[in-house]
Amino acid sequence: MRIRSSFSTQQGACVEVEQIGDEFHLTDSKHPERPAHIYTRTEWRAFLQGARNGEFDFDVFTEEPAN
């Protein structure tokens, strides 16, 4: 099953993830010809835990670089 981010835009600018066996394939719908980024279950779990803990909370709404 492929899951598309609920924050996707109407123009199709979205991130999709699909579990295939023990791998998690991350793709960009704007560029379906590009290969997926593939993560192990351990890597994907670590990413999700970091995201939930706010470790990747860059201010994406400004042009200022993150400190």
C-alpha atoms as a PDB file:
ATOM      1  CA  MET A   1       0.000   0.000   0.000  1.00  0.00           C
ATOM      2  CA  ARG A   2       1.321   3.418  -0.956  1.00  0.00           C
ATOM      3  CA  ILE A   3       0.567   6.270   1.439  1.00  0.00           C
ATOM      4  CA  ARG A   4       0.552   9.885   0.278  1.00  0.00           C
ATOM      5  CA  SER A   5       1.082  12.737   2.705  1.00  0.00           C
ATOM      6  CA  SER A   6      -2.160  14.422   3.770  1.00  0.00           C
ATOM      7  CA  PHE A   7      -0.281  17.735   3.404  1.00  0.00           C
ATOM      8  CA  SER A   8       0.166  17.282  -0.351  1.00  0.00           C
ATOM      9  CA  THR A   9      -0.672  20.188  -2.617  1.00  0.00           C
ATOM     10  CA  GLN A  10      -3.210  20.218  -5.431  1.00  0.00           C
ATOM     11  CA  GLN A  11      -0.282  20.390  -7.886  1.00  0.00           C
ATOM     12  CA  GLY A  12       0.833  16.934  -6.787  1.00  0.00           C
ATOM     13  CA  ALA A  13       3.841  18.061  -4.755  1.00  0.00           C
ATOM     14  CA  CYS A  14       3.782  15.210  -2.321  1.00  0.00           C
ATOM     15  CA  VAL A  15       5.843  12.631  -0.582  1.00  0.00           C
ATOM     16  CA  GLU A  16       4.728   9.013  -0.823  1.00  0.00           C
ATOM     17  CA  VAL A  17       5.888   6.011   1.152  1.00  0.00           C
ATOM     18  CA  GLU A  18       5.319   2.356   0.396  1.00  0.00           C
ATOM     19  CA  GLN A  19       6.285  -0.664   2.447  1.00  0.00           C
ATOM     20  CA  ILE A  20       7.683  -3.497   0.345  1.00  0.00           C
ATOM     21  CA  GLY A  21       8.651  -6.424   2.526  1.00  0.00           C
ATOM     22  CA  ASP A  22      10.939  -5.054   5.234  1.00  0.00           C
ATOM     23  CA  GLU A  23      11.865  -1.960   3.204  1.00  0.00           C
ATOM     24  CA  PHE A  24      10.235   1.461   3.083  1.00  0.00           C
ATOM     25  CA  HIS A  25      10.355   3.223  -0.294  1.00  0.00           C
ATOM     26  CA  LEU A  26      10.066   7.022  -0.198  1.00  0.00           C
ATOM     27  CA  THR A  27       9.192   8.757  -3.485  1.00  0.00           C
ATOM     28  CA  ASP A  28       8.357  12.221  -4.822  1.00  0.00           C
ATOM     29  CA  SER A  29       5.214  12.295  -6.948  1.00  0.00           C
ATOM     30  CA  LYS A  30       6.558  15.234  -8.988  1.00  0.00           C
ATOM     31  CA  HIS A  31       9.390  13.046 -10.265  1.00  0.00           C
ATOM     32  CA  PRO A  32       8.114   9.473 -10.610  1.00  0.00           C
ATOM     33  CA  GLU A  33      11.040   8.627 -12.912  1.00  0.00           C
ATOM     34  CA  ARG A  34      13.527   9.064 -10.077  1.00  0.00           C
ATOM     35  CA  PRO A  35      14.390   6.049  -7.959  1.00  0.00           C
ATOM     36  CA  ALA A  36      12.927   5.730  -4.486  1.00  0.00           C
ATOM     37  CA  HIS A  37      14.952   6.345  -1.358  1.00  0.00           C
ATOM     38  CA  ILE A  38      14.938   2.952   0.358  1.00  0.00           C
ATOM     39  CA  TYR A  39      15.131   2.537   4.132  1.00  0.00           C
ATOM     40  CA  THR A  40      15.251  -0.482   6.398  1.00  0.00           C
ATOM     41  CA  ARG A  41      12.614  -0.962   9.084  1.00  0.00           C
ATOM     42  CA  THR A  42      15.132   0.205  11.720  1.00  0.00           C
ATOM     43  CA  GLU A  43      16.019   3.348   9.745  1.00  0.00           C
ATOM     44  CA  TRP A  44      12.369   4.191   9.065  1.00  0.00           C
ATOM     45  CA  ARG A  45      11.457   3.706  12.727  1.00  0.00           C
ATOM     46  CA  ALA A  46      14.335   6.002  13.805  1.00  0.00           C
ATOM     47  CA  PHE A  47      13.200   8.679  11.335  1.00  0.00           C
ATOM     48  CA  LEU A  48       9.590   8.545  12.521  1.00  0.00           C
ATOM     49  CA  GLN A  49      10.636   8.748  16.171  1.00  0.00           C
ATOM     50  CA  GLY A  50      12.854  11.753  15.392  1.00  0.00           C
ATOM     51  CA  ALA A  51      10.062  13.486  13.462  1.00  0.00           C
ATOM     52  CA  ARG A  52       7.598  12.900  16.282  1.00  0.00           C
ATOM     53  CA  ASN A  53      10.103  14.316  18.767  1.00  0.00           C
ATOM     54  CA  GLY A  54      10.576  17.485  16.700  1.00  0.00           C
ATOM     55  CA  GLU A  55      14.180  16.742  15.687  1.00  0.00           C
ATOM     56  CA  PHE A  56      13.527  17.880  12.095  1.00  0.00           C
ATOM     57  CA  ASP A  57      11.492  21.002  12.828  1.00  0.00           C
ATOM     58  CA  PHE A  58      13.248  23.412  10.502  1.00  0.00           C
ATOM     59  CA  ASP A  59      11.370  26.635   9.780  1.00  0.00           C
ATOM     60  CA  VAL A  60      10.358  25.816   6.201  1.00  0.00           C
ATOM     61  CA  PHE A  61       8.183  28.918   5.922  1.00  0.00           C
ATOM     62  CA  THR A  62      11.098  31.360   5.773  1.00  0.00           C
ATOM     63  CA  GLU A  63      14.129  31.688   3.546  1.00  0.00           C
ATOM     64  CA  GLU A  64      16.447  31.943   6.549  1.00  0.00           C
ATOM     65  CA  PRO A  65      18.881  29.051   7.001  1.00  0.00           C
ATOM     66  CA  ALA A  66      18.436  26.855  10.059  1.00  0.00           C
ATOM     67  CA  ASN A  67      20.800  27.518  12.957  1.00  0.00           C
END
